[in-house]
Amino acid sequence: MPNPRIKNEEQYEALVKKGYSKEKSARIANTPDSGKKGGNAKPYEDWTKEELQKQATKVGIKGRSYMNKEKLIHSLRTN
């Protein structure tokens, strides 16, 4: 029986099987563009450290001022 609170049930199930938490899977599956690819952002490796820190601030990563570029990228990808 489909969950009426999940907009993209197929993506939700795939994320849960991959190991994501139910909460994070639901949040991703309920985004307006869920299941679609094709963002125009350049890869994090091409961003400057300052751009990465601004993005980390937006998503609320703690300790970002002490991180080097590699740790910022890792934190943004695993947040």
Protein backbone atom coordinates (compact mmCIF):
# COMPACT_ATOMS: atom_id res chain seq x y z
CA MET A 1 0.00 0.00 0.00
CA PRO A 2 1.58 3.29 -1.07
CA ASN A 3 2.29 5.93 1.52
CA PRO A 4 0.30 9.10 0.64
CA ARG A 5 3.00 11.27 2.25
CA ILE A 6 5.66 10.07 -0.22
CA LYS A 7 5.51 11.69 -3.66
CA ASN A 8 7.98 9.37 -5.39
CA GLU A 9 7.51 5.96 -3.79
CA GLU A 10 9.91 4.19 -6.17
CA GLN A 11 12.77 6.55 -5.38
CA TYR A 12 11.97 6.36 -1.65
CA GLU A 13 12.23 2.56 -1.66
CA ALA A 14 15.47 2.63 -3.64
CA LEU A 15 17.05 5.07 -1.17
CA VAL A 16 15.99 3.01 1.85
CA LYS A 17 17.48 -0.12 0.23
CA LYS A 18 20.70 1.84 -0.36
CA GLY A 19 20.95 2.50 3.37
CA TYR A 20 19.54 5.99 3.73
CA SER A 21 17.35 6.66 6.76
CA LYS A 22 13.60 6.70 6.22
CA GLU A 23 13.51 10.41 7.08
CA LYS A 24 16.24 11.37 4.60
CA SER A 25 14.75 9.10 1.92
CA ALA A 26 11.35 10.73 2.33
CA ARG A 27 12.85 14.21 2.22
CA ILE A 28 14.67 13.43 -1.04
CA ALA A 29 11.69 11.63 -2.61
CA ASN A 30 9.40 14.55 -1.77
CA THR A 31 11.47 17.25 -3.46
CA PRO A 32 9.71 18.80 -6.47
CA ASP A 33 12.36 17.47 -8.89
CA SER A 34 12.67 14.03 -7.30
CA GLY A 35 13.95 11.40 -9.67
CA LYS A 36 15.19 13.91 -12.23
CA LYS A 37 18.82 14.50 -13.05
CA GLY A 38 20.51 17.31 -14.85
CA GLY A 39 21.52 19.99 -12.39
CA ASN A 40 23.68 22.72 -13.87
CA ALA A 41 26.01 23.14 -10.90
CA LYS A 42 29.67 22.43 -11.46
CA PRO A 43 31.27 19.61 -9.41
CA TYR A 44 32.40 20.51 -5.88
CA GLU A 45 36.02 19.91 -6.91
CA ASP A 46 35.77 22.95 -9.20
CA TRP A 47 34.40 25.22 -6.43
CA THR A 48 36.67 27.50 -4.43
CA LYS A 49 37.07 26.91 -0.71
CA GLU A 50 35.07 30.10 -0.06
CA GLU A 51 32.19 28.85 -2.23
CA LEU A 52 32.22 25.53 -0.39
CA GLN A 53 32.15 27.30 2.99
CA LYS A 54 29.15 29.41 1.90
CA GLN A 55 27.33 26.26 0.81
CA ALA A 56 28.24 24.54 4.08
CA THR A 57 26.80 27.53 5.93
CA LYS A 58 23.53 27.23 3.96
CA VAL A 59 23.10 23.58 4.90
CA GLY A 60 24.24 24.03 8.50
CA ILE A 61 27.48 22.06 8.65
CA LYS A 62 29.26 22.66 11.95
CA GLY A 63 33.03 23.08 12.17
CA ARG A 64 33.29 24.21 8.56
CA SER A 65 35.73 27.03 9.34
CA TYR A 66 38.30 24.43 10.45
CA MET A 67 37.88 22.17 7.41
CA ASN A 68 40.09 22.05 4.36
CA LYS A 69 38.58 21.84 0.88
CA GLU A 70 38.53 18.02 0.82
CA LYS A 71 36.74 17.79 4.17
CA LEU A 72 34.22 20.44 3.09
CA ILE A 73 33.43 18.45 -0.05
CA HIS A 74 33.05 15.24 1.95
CA SER A 75 30.79 16.95 4.50
CA LEU A 76 28.59 18.49 1.80
CA ARG A 77 28.19 15.16 0.03
CA THR A 78 27.36 13.22 3.18
CA ASN A 79 25.15 15.81 4.85
